[in-house]
Protein backbone atom coordinates (compact mmCIF):
# COMPACT_ATOMS: atom_id res chain seq x y z
CA MET A 1 -23.92 -5.36 -19.86
CA LEU A 2 -23.32 -9.13 -19.87
CA ASP A 3 -26.12 -11.41 -18.74
CA LYS A 4 -25.74 -13.59 -15.67
CA ASP A 5 -25.02 -16.79 -17.62
CA LYS A 6 -22.26 -15.11 -19.62
CA VAL A 7 -20.70 -13.68 -16.47
CA GLU A 8 -20.70 -17.09 -14.80
CA LYS A 9 -19.22 -18.73 -17.91
CA ASN A 10 -16.46 -16.11 -18.06
CA GLU A 11 -15.63 -16.64 -14.38
CA ARG A 12 -15.45 -20.42 -14.88
CA GLU A 13 -13.10 -19.98 -17.82
CA MET A 14 -10.91 -17.62 -15.84
CA HIS A 15 -10.77 -19.91 -12.83
CA GLU A 16 -9.89 -22.97 -14.92
CA SER A 17 -7.18 -21.05 -16.76
CA PHE A 18 -5.83 -19.68 -13.49
CA CYS A 19 -5.55 -23.17 -11.94
CA GLU A 20 -3.67 -24.42 -14.99
CA LYS A 21 -1.24 -21.47 -15.08
CA ALA A 22 -0.69 -21.61 -11.32
CA ARG A 23 0.27 -25.32 -11.59
CA GLU A 24 2.67 -24.49 -14.41
CA LEU A 25 4.24 -21.72 -12.33
CA ILE A 26 4.79 -23.99 -9.33
CA MET A 27 6.51 -26.54 -11.58
CA GLN A 28 8.89 -23.80 -12.84
CA GLU A 29 10.19 -22.93 -9.36
CA GLU A 30 13.81 -23.61 -10.29
CA GLN A 31 13.96 -20.75 -12.82
CA PHE A 32 13.13 -18.26 -10.05
CA ARG A 33 16.09 -19.22 -7.83
CA LYS A 34 18.68 -16.47 -7.36
CA PRO A 35 22.21 -16.61 -5.88
CA GLU A 36 23.31 -15.01 -2.62
CA GLY A 37 25.23 -11.73 -2.78
CA THR A 38 22.76 -9.65 -4.74
CA GLN A 39 19.61 -7.79 -3.73
CA LEU A 40 17.50 -6.15 -6.42
CA VAL A 41 15.21 -3.39 -5.18
CA GLY A 42 12.87 -1.01 -6.98
CA PHE A 43 10.36 1.69 -6.06
CA GLU A 44 6.87 2.63 -7.17
CA SER A 45 5.47 5.88 -5.81
CA GLU A 46 2.16 7.46 -6.73
CA VAL A 47 1.62 11.21 -6.76
CA ALA A 48 -1.48 13.30 -7.42
CA LEU A 49 -2.18 16.37 -9.51
CA ASP A 50 -3.54 19.43 -7.74
CA THR A 51 -6.68 20.39 -9.62
CA LYS A 52 -6.76 24.08 -8.67
CA HIS A 53 -6.28 25.26 -12.27
CA LEU A 54 -7.98 22.31 -13.93
CA GLU A 55 -11.54 21.38 -14.70
CA VAL A 56 -12.33 17.78 -13.78
CA SER A 57 -12.93 17.12 -17.48
CA GLU A 58 -9.33 18.20 -18.22
CA LEU A 59 -7.73 16.06 -15.55
CA GLU A 60 -7.06 12.83 -17.45
CA ALA A 61 -5.78 14.54 -20.60
CA THR A 62 -3.38 16.69 -18.57
CA ARG A 63 -2.18 13.65 -16.64
CA ASP A 64 -1.64 11.70 -19.85
CA ALA A 65 0.33 14.55 -21.43
CA ILE A 66 2.64 14.67 -18.41
CA ILE A 67 3.21 10.91 -18.57
CA HIS A 68 3.88 11.06 -22.32
CA GLU A 69 6.52 13.73 -21.76
CA VAL A 70 8.22 11.89 -18.86
CA GLY A 71 8.39 8.54 -20.65
CA GLU A 72 8.32 4.95 -19.52
CA SER A 73 9.20 5.63 -15.87
CA ALA A 74 5.75 7.19 -15.38
CA ASP A 75 2.42 5.43 -15.79
CA ILE A 76 -1.30 5.80 -15.20
CA GLU A 77 -3.21 4.56 -12.18
CA LEU A 78 -6.88 4.19 -11.27
CA GLY A 79 -7.41 7.89 -10.59
CA ALA A 80 -7.53 10.25 -13.55
CA GLY A 81 -5.34 12.62 -11.56
CA GLN A 82 -2.74 10.05 -10.42
CA ILE A 83 0.75 9.38 -11.77
CA GLU A 84 2.88 6.41 -10.81
CA VAL A 85 6.63 7.05 -10.80
CA ARG A 86 8.72 3.89 -10.86
CA THR A 87 12.32 2.84 -11.06
CA PRO A 88 13.91 -0.21 -12.66
CA PRO A 89 15.41 -2.68 -10.15
CA PHE A 90 18.93 -1.98 -8.89
CA ASP A 91 21.27 -4.27 -6.98
CA ILE A 92 21.72 -2.25 -3.79
CA LEU A 93 24.59 -4.52 -2.70
CA ALA A 94 26.63 -3.64 -5.79
CA GLU A 95 29.10 -0.77 -5.67
CA GLU A 96 27.16 2.46 -6.20
CA GLY A 97 23.98 0.39 -6.67
CA PHE A 98 21.91 2.21 -4.11
CA ARG A 99 23.13 5.64 -5.20
CA GLN A 100 22.16 4.79 -8.79
CA LEU A 101 18.67 3.82 -7.62
CA LEU A 102 18.30 7.04 -5.66
CA THR A 103 19.62 9.18 -8.54
CA VAL A 104 17.20 7.63 -11.02
CA TYR A 105 14.27 8.04 -8.61
CA ARG A 106 15.06 11.71 -7.94
CA ASN A 107 15.56 12.47 -11.63
CA GLU A 108 12.28 10.84 -12.68
CA PHE A 109 10.30 12.67 -10.01
CA ALA A 110 11.91 15.94 -11.07
CA LYS A 111 10.78 15.24 -14.65
CA VAL A 112 7.19 14.73 -13.47
CA CYS A 113 7.25 18.02 -11.55
CA HIS A 114 8.74 19.87 -14.51
CA ALA A 115 6.16 18.50 -16.93
CA ALA A 116 3.35 19.36 -14.52
CA HIS A 117 4.57 22.91 -13.92
CA LYS A 118 4.68 23.50 -17.69
CA ARG A 119 0.94 22.83 -17.61
CA ASN A 120 0.28 25.16 -14.68
CA THR A 121 -0.28 22.14 -12.40
CA GLN A 122 1.34 21.17 -9.12
CA ILE A 123 2.19 17.74 -7.71
CA MET A 124 1.02 16.46 -4.33
CA ARG A 125 3.03 13.91 -2.35
CA VAL A 126 0.22 12.94 0.00
CA GLY A 127 -1.52 9.67 0.82
CA ALA A 128 -5.06 10.96 0.26
CA ASN A 129 -6.06 13.65 -2.25
CA PRO A 130 -8.09 16.12 -0.17
CA PHE A 131 -9.59 18.03 -3.13
CA LEU A 132 -11.40 15.64 -5.47
CA PRO A 133 -14.93 14.39 -4.68
CA ILE A 134 -15.36 11.06 -2.89
CA LYS A 135 -18.29 9.92 -5.02
CA ASP A 136 -17.93 9.75 -8.81
CA THR A 137 -14.23 10.44 -8.47
CA PRO A 138 -12.76 10.85 -11.97
CA ARG A 139 -11.22 7.54 -13.05
CA THR A 140 -8.90 6.54 -15.84
CA SER A 141 -11.01 5.59 -18.84
CA LYS A 142 -9.76 2.03 -19.31
CA PRO A 143 -12.00 -1.03 -18.84
CA LYS A 144 -10.29 -2.38 -15.73
CA TYR A 145 -10.56 1.00 -14.01
CA THR A 146 -14.31 1.17 -14.66
CA GLN A 147 -15.41 -2.46 -14.43
CA VAL A 148 -13.64 -3.40 -11.19
CA PRO A 149 -14.87 -0.50 -9.02
CA ASP A 150 -18.36 -0.83 -10.52
CA PHE A 151 -18.40 -4.52 -9.54
CA TYR A 152 -17.72 -3.66 -5.91
CA ASN A 153 -20.25 -0.86 -5.87
CA THR A 154 -22.85 -3.35 -7.09
CA HIS A 155 -21.91 -6.25 -4.79
CA ARG A 156 -20.97 -4.50 -1.55
CA GLY A 157 -22.63 -6.13 1.43
CA CYS A 158 -25.68 -4.24 2.71
CA HIS A 159 -24.40 -4.63 6.27
CA VAL A 160 -21.17 -2.69 5.71
CA ASP A 161 -20.85 0.54 7.67
CA THR A 162 -19.10 2.79 5.15
CA HIS A 163 -18.54 5.78 7.42
CA ILE A 164 -15.10 6.57 8.83
CA GLY A 165 -13.67 9.21 11.13
CA LEU A 166 -12.69 9.68 14.76
CA GLY A 167 -13.98 13.25 14.99
CA ASN A 168 -17.46 14.74 15.01
CA THR A 169 -17.71 14.58 11.20
CA GLN A 170 -18.10 11.11 9.72
CA ILE A 171 -17.23 10.65 6.04
CA ASN A 172 -19.11 8.19 3.83
CA ILE A 173 -16.54 6.29 1.75
CA GLY A 174 -19.04 3.76 0.39
CA PHE A 175 -17.92 4.17 -3.21
CA ALA A 176 -15.27 1.82 -4.63
CA GLU A 177 -13.77 4.60 -6.73
CA VAL A 178 -12.67 6.32 -3.50
CA VAL A 179 -9.40 4.34 -3.72
CA SER A 180 -8.47 6.48 -6.73
CA LEU A 181 -7.84 9.29 -4.20
CA PHE A 182 -5.10 7.32 -2.45
CA GLN A 183 -1.39 7.36 -3.27
CA SER A 184 0.95 4.63 -2.10
CA PHE A 185 4.69 4.04 -1.97
CA GLN A 186 5.60 0.47 -2.83
CA ILE A 187 8.93 -1.28 -2.23
CA ASN A 188 9.79 -4.22 -4.48
CA ILE A 189 12.40 -6.74 -3.31
CA GLU A 190 13.53 -9.71 -5.38
CA ALA A 191 13.38 -12.99 -3.44
CA ARG A 192 15.95 -15.77 -3.84
CA SER A 193 13.35 -18.54 -4.07
CA PHE A 194 9.67 -19.30 -3.57
CA ARG A 195 10.41 -20.24 0.04
CA ASP A 196 12.30 -16.98 0.62
CA ALA A 197 9.44 -15.00 -0.99
CA ILE A 198 6.81 -16.52 1.31
CA ASP A 199 9.02 -15.98 4.37
CA LYS A 200 9.63 -12.35 3.40
CA MET A 201 5.93 -11.80 2.73
CA ASN A 202 4.88 -13.27 6.07
CA ARG A 203 7.45 -11.18 7.91
CA SER A 204 6.36 -8.12 5.95
CA PHE A 205 2.89 -8.43 7.46
CA VAL A 206 4.55 -8.22 10.90
CA VAL A 207 6.69 -5.14 10.26
CA ALA A 208 4.17 -3.24 8.12
CA PRO A 209 2.22 -1.72 11.07
CA TYR A 210 5.44 -0.33 12.58
CA LEU A 211 6.31 1.29 9.27
CA LEU A 212 2.77 2.61 8.81
CA ALA A 213 2.68 4.11 12.30
CA LEU A 214 5.65 6.28 11.32
CA SER A 215 4.55 7.02 7.75
CA GLY A 216 0.78 7.62 7.89
CA ASN A 217 -0.01 10.34 5.36
CA ALA A 218 -3.75 10.02 4.61
CA ARG A 219 -5.70 12.01 7.17
CA TYR A 220 -7.84 14.45 5.15
CA LEU A 221 -10.53 13.56 2.61
CA ASN A 222 -12.80 16.11 0.97
CA CYS A 223 -10.84 18.66 3.06
CA ILE A 224 -12.32 17.08 6.19
CA ASP A 225 -10.17 15.92 9.10
CA THR A 226 -10.81 12.24 9.85
CA HIS A 227 -8.30 12.39 12.75
CA LEU A 228 -6.91 9.08 11.44
CA ASN A 229 -3.21 8.48 10.90
CA ASP A 230 -3.82 6.73 7.60
CA MET A 231 -7.29 5.91 6.24
CA ARG A 232 -6.31 4.31 2.96
CA MET A 233 -6.58 0.59 3.67
CA MET A 234 -9.52 1.10 6.01
CA ALA A 235 -11.48 2.90 3.28
CA TRP A 236 -10.44 0.28 0.72
CA GLU A 237 -11.65 -2.59 2.92
CA LYS A 238 -14.99 -0.95 3.64
CA SER A 239 -15.70 0.19 0.09
CA HIS A 240 -14.77 -3.24 -1.37
CA ASP A 241 -16.39 -5.50 1.19
CA THR A 242 -18.62 -7.97 -0.68
CA ARG A 243 -18.88 -10.59 2.07
CA MET A 244 -22.57 -11.27 2.65
CA GLN A 245 -22.67 -12.34 6.29
CA ASP A 246 -24.64 -10.26 8.78
CA VAL A 247 -22.06 -8.43 10.85
CA ARG A 248 -22.98 -7.00 14.27
CA VAL A 249 -20.66 -4.31 15.59
CA LEU A 250 -20.29 -2.72 19.00
CA SER A 251 -18.26 0.35 18.06
CA TRP A 252 -16.88 2.14 15.01
CA GLU A 253 -13.35 0.96 15.79
CA ARG A 254 -14.48 -2.63 15.19
CA SER A 255 -16.75 -2.00 12.26
CA PHE A 256 -14.52 -3.45 9.56
CA ASP A 257 -13.01 -6.90 9.01
CA MET A 258 -15.13 -8.37 11.78
CA ARG A 259 -14.49 -11.98 10.82
CA SER A 260 -14.82 -14.46 13.65
CA ASN A 261 -12.71 -17.61 13.75
CA GLU A 262 -15.73 -19.42 12.36
CA ASP A 263 -15.97 -16.96 9.47
CA VAL A 264 -12.33 -17.57 8.64
CA ARG A 265 -12.79 -21.35 8.77
CA ASN A 266 -15.80 -21.03 6.47
CA GLY A 267 -13.77 -19.15 3.90
CA LYS A 268 -15.25 -15.65 4.29
CA LEU A 269 -12.25 -13.81 2.96
CA LEU A 270 -11.30 -10.25 2.10
CA ARG A 271 -8.92 -9.85 -0.82
CA ILE A 272 -7.66 -6.66 0.82
CA GLY A 273 -5.32 -5.93 3.70
CA LEU A 274 -4.20 -8.63 6.14
CA PRO A 275 -4.82 -12.33 5.40
CA GLU A 276 -6.60 -14.48 7.94
CA ARG A 277 -3.38 -16.42 8.60
CA TYR A 278 0.21 -16.61 7.40
CA PHE A 279 0.96 -18.42 4.16
CA GLU A 280 2.48 -21.90 4.24
CA ASP A 281 4.06 -21.91 0.79
CA MET A 282 3.66 -20.52 -2.73
CA LYS A 283 0.88 -22.95 -3.59
CA ASP A 284 -1.06 -21.78 -0.54
CA TYR A 285 -0.63 -18.15 -1.66
CA LEU A 286 -1.78 -18.84 -5.20
CA VAL A 287 -4.79 -20.85 -4.04
CA ARG A 288 -5.99 -17.87 -2.05
CA ALA A 289 -5.39 -15.44 -4.91
CA GLY A 290 -7.58 -17.57 -7.18
CA GLN A 291 -10.58 -17.65 -4.82
CA PHE A 292 -11.90 -14.18 -5.66
CA PRO A 293 -13.95 -12.91 -8.63
CA PHE A 294 -11.77 -12.18 -11.65
CA ILE A 295 -14.30 -9.60 -12.96
CA LEU A 296 -12.18 -9.03 -16.09
CA HIS A 297 -12.22 -11.68 -18.84
CA ASN A 298 -8.85 -12.51 -20.35
CA PRO A 299 -8.01 -16.23 -19.94
CA GLU A 300 -4.43 -15.75 -21.15
CA ALA A 301 -3.75 -13.27 -18.34
CA THR A 302 -5.51 -14.95 -15.44
CA LEU A 303 -2.41 -15.21 -13.27
CA GLN A 304 -1.52 -11.55 -13.73
CA ILE A 305 -5.12 -10.47 -13.10
CA ALA A 306 -5.47 -12.53 -9.91
CA ILE A 307 -2.17 -11.29 -8.48
CA GLY A 308 -2.83 -7.73 -9.70
CA MET A 309 -6.04 -7.77 -7.69
CA THR A 310 -4.41 -9.34 -4.63
CA TRP A 311 -4.65 -6.15 -2.59
CA LEU A 312 -2.95 -7.50 0.50
CA ASP A 313 -0.58 -5.32 2.52
CA THR A 314 2.16 -7.39 0.93
CA ARG A 315 2.00 -9.66 -2.08
CA VAL A 316 4.29 -11.76 -4.28
CA LYS A 317 4.36 -11.04 -8.00
CA PHE A 318 6.26 -12.59 -10.91
CA ILE A 319 8.17 -10.48 -13.42
CA GLY A 320 10.03 -12.50 -16.04
CA ASP A 321 12.20 -14.90 -14.04
CA ALA A 322 12.04 -12.72 -10.90
CA CYS A 323 9.93 -13.54 -7.86
CA VAL A 324 9.23 -10.17 -6.22
CA VAL A 325 7.88 -9.30 -2.76
CA GLU A 326 5.97 -6.03 -2.88
CA LEU A 327 5.20 -4.05 0.27
CA ARG A 328 1.98 -2.18 -0.54
CA ILE A 329 0.61 -0.69 2.67
CA LEU A 330 2.73 2.49 2.89
CA PRO A 331 1.45 5.86 1.67
CA THR A 332 3.47 8.17 -0.53
CA GLN A 333 5.74 10.29 1.68
CA PRO A 334 6.34 14.04 1.57
CA SER A 335 9.94 13.49 0.53
CA ILE A 336 12.02 10.93 -1.30
CA GLU A 337 14.38 10.88 1.68
CA GLU A 338 11.58 9.67 3.96
CA GLU A 339 10.67 6.93 1.50
CA VAL A 340 14.30 5.82 1.32
CA ALA A 341 14.49 5.72 5.12
CA LEU A 342 11.42 3.48 5.20
CA MET A 343 13.03 1.24 2.62
CA PHE A 344 16.16 0.84 4.76
CA PHE A 345 14.09 0.14 7.86
CA TYR A 346 12.08 -2.48 5.95
CA ILE A 347 14.97 -4.27 4.27
CA GLY A 348 17.27 -4.19 7.33
CA TRP A 349 14.47 -5.48 9.56
CA LEU A 350 13.72 -8.35 7.18
CA VAL A 351 17.37 -9.38 7.01
CA ASP A 352 17.81 -9.30 10.79
CA ALA A 353 14.57 -11.19 11.42
CA GLN A 354 15.51 -13.89 8.91
CA ILE A 355 19.03 -14.28 10.26
CA ARG A 356 17.76 -14.62 13.83
CA GLY A 357 14.89 -16.88 12.80
CA GLU A 358 12.52 -14.63 14.74
CA LYS A 359 9.14 -16.15 15.45
CA LEU A 360 6.23 -14.58 13.61
CA LEU A 361 4.07 -12.40 15.82
CA PRO A 362 0.66 -14.08 16.16
CA ILE A 363 -1.58 -12.82 13.37
CA ASN A 364 -4.22 -11.53 15.78
CA PHE A 365 -1.59 -9.29 17.37
CA VAL A 366 -0.55 -8.08 13.90
CA ARG A 367 -4.20 -7.24 13.26
CA GLU A 368 -4.32 -5.18 16.47
CA ASN A 369 -1.09 -3.39 15.52
CA ARG A 370 -2.38 -2.67 12.03
CA LEU A 371 -5.59 -1.10 13.28
CA SER A 372 -3.69 0.92 15.89
CA ALA A 373 -1.22 2.18 13.26
CA MET A 374 -4.03 3.21 10.87
CA MET A 375 -5.97 5.00 13.57
CA TYR A 376 -3.44 6.37 16.03
CA GLY A 377 0.03 6.11 14.52
CA VAL A 378 2.70 6.03 17.21
CA HIS A 379 0.37 7.19 19.98
CA ARG A 380 -0.84 3.82 21.29
CA PRO A 381 0.87 0.68 22.55
CA MET A 382 1.67 -2.06 20.05
CA TRP A 383 2.71 -5.70 20.18
CA PHE A 384 6.33 -6.72 19.59
CA MET A 385 8.51 -9.84 19.75
CA SER A 386 11.16 -9.67 22.47
CA ASP A 387 14.74 -10.90 21.97
CA ALA A 388 13.60 -14.05 23.71
CA ASN A 389 10.87 -14.55 21.08
CA GLU A 390 8.09 -13.69 23.51
CA CYS A 391 5.15 -11.39 22.72
CA GLU A 392 5.17 -8.15 24.68
CA GLN A 393 3.15 -4.94 24.49
CA LEU A 394 5.14 -1.71 24.59
CA GLN A 395 4.57 1.93 23.90
CA ALA A 396 4.97 2.38 20.17
CA PHE A 397 7.93 4.80 20.55
CA GLU A 398 9.83 2.30 22.66
CA GLY A 399 9.09 -0.75 20.57
CA ILE A 400 9.65 0.87 17.15
CA THR A 401 12.94 2.37 18.33
CA ARG A 402 14.08 -1.17 19.12
CA GLU A 403 12.90 -2.40 15.71
CA ILE A 404 14.95 0.36 14.06
CA GLU A 405 18.01 -0.88 15.98
CA ARG A 406 17.31 -4.37 14.67
CA ALA A 407 17.08 -2.97 11.15
CA TRP A 408 20.47 -1.36 11.67
CA ARG A 409 21.90 -4.79 12.50
CA GLY A 410 20.45 -6.22 9.33
CA LEU A 411 21.88 -3.43 7.22
CA ARG A 412 25.26 -3.84 8.88
CA HIS A 413 25.15 -7.50 7.82
CA LEU A 414 24.60 -6.30 4.22
CA GLY A 415 27.29 -3.63 4.50
CA LEU A 416 24.73 -0.83 4.13
CA ASP A 417 24.68 0.60 7.65
CA GLN A 418 26.57 3.76 6.72
CA LEU A 419 23.97 4.61 4.09
CA PHE A 420 21.22 4.11 6.67
CA HIS A 421 22.77 6.55 9.13
CA ALA A 422 21.57 9.65 7.29
CA GLY A 423 18.19 8.09 6.59
CA LEU A 424 17.66 7.40 10.28
CA LEU A 425 17.31 11.13 10.87
CA HIS A 426 14.11 11.06 8.81
CA LEU A 427 12.67 8.13 10.72
CA THR A 428 13.11 9.01 14.38
CA PRO A 429 9.81 8.14 16.06
CA ALA A 430 9.78 11.47 17.93
CA LEU A 431 9.08 13.12 14.57
CA THR A 432 5.75 11.24 14.41
CA SER A 433 4.02 10.78 11.07
CA PRO A 434 3.34 13.14 8.15
CA SER A 435 -0.36 13.04 9.14
CA ASP A 436 0.56 14.28 12.60
CA ARG A 437 2.69 17.06 11.13
CA LEU A 438 -0.08 18.21 8.78
CA GLY A 439 -2.63 17.92 11.57
CA LYS A 440 -0.49 20.11 13.79
CA ILE A 441 -0.37 22.81 11.12
CA LEU A 442 -4.19 22.70 10.82
CA ALA A 443 -4.88 22.16 14.52
CA HIS A 444 -6.81 25.39 14.94
CA ASP A 445 -8.76 25.26 11.67
CA GLY A 446 -11.54 22.91 12.69
CA GLU A 447 -12.57 19.73 10.91
CA CYS A 448 -13.71 21.24 7.58
CA ILE A 449 -10.83 23.06 5.92
CA PRO A 450 -11.26 25.60 3.07
CA ALA A 451 -9.44 24.40 -0.05
CA GLU A 452 -7.01 27.31 -0.19
CA ARG A 453 -6.11 26.89 3.48
CA MET A 454 -5.47 23.21 2.77
CA ARG A 455 -3.13 24.11 -0.09
CA GLN A 456 -1.27 26.51 2.17
CA ALA A 457 -0.88 23.81 4.81
CA LEU A 458 0.29 21.23 2.26
CA LYS A 459 2.97 23.65 1.07
CA GLU A 460 4.06 24.30 4.65
CA ALA A 461 4.24 20.54 5.24
CA MET A 462 6.29 20.22 1.97
CA MET A 463 3.68 17.96 0.38
CA LEU A 464 2.76 20.25 -2.54
CA PHE A 465 5.32 20.96 -5.25
């Protein structure tokens, strides 16, 4: 354990190094410019191991053996029972580019399933692992996966209400390691410039709640029904809230991210979720990323560490000479087809919004949409921008259907509308979210579900392979 003086010295060194590297990056903007006519896209999707036939002590070794067999397309994550499956970037505007991306993604996931089955283990495509414990969840035994959660457990504000749930049973998620139970699906899009990256990121904050309303897949934790469409970001924000102000709340629905305008002006920030305002430019984004504790000490990697721990719904990251916008808020879906449909919705919507120069929805309306999507999915009204660039509140079904039509226009502009046609079948709002579908299967089982019944339901919902 480092003493206080050493910790403060390390943080100063990290901050100074970050400022220097951020300035250098801004000065290298030209090398990140890309021509029109290409669009590189890649996927990252996290899956979880079912622990039915495993002792907790065997979890990490089994996971590591699966990753070793699959190769470089699979990697570790925070949870000892998590596997990240990723693709290289493909130019989806090139001939056969999208089909190559999809083929690689399917093949790599099939390898993971095959390697798991050889070890008498199944794979779950679900946003929240319902089987592992919430407290002392087994984590990957690497320094960053132990030090970072421990920091937030130590520094969490005493005012934070760490209970979630809309039903009679409230779940205490006041342990930073709880995020190791959550699996996400991340879409990476190469931007053409710093300006394009910031514009895409800001617009991504707007569209993310619509996507999440359709894709919520994190309802059950500890085999208990929270009745939430997707709890992941909510649990992350609560378990990692180190702001020290005294927060007074009137109801559970408002018991997280209760920053007033004064709080925002005074710099009381969360590094998680939705920013307090849209970003002005790349410098503005980097300044915010450098305001939070680095926790880890590696002055040569300060930029990577700061961006790696920028846990916003969307972030910009830098890979070689590529400036990449990463949509992070979506949970892993039951099928690859559903994830691909979300990708088409997202990319087409961005293209259409940029072509039309659509005004950004006021951030406070985005915040309302985000909370509604996490809690209720498509079952509550949401805010949208009309064709006349006016804010209007519509039933989610109606508004999201219109946003899908706008995405179709964007894809038609790219020449990808025929590929989207099949995907649209997986995204029709009437189908609701994976959480709704799983909840319907378990509707008569009460709030506390026996583990074997949960496995049966996951298989029926095609989330357990």
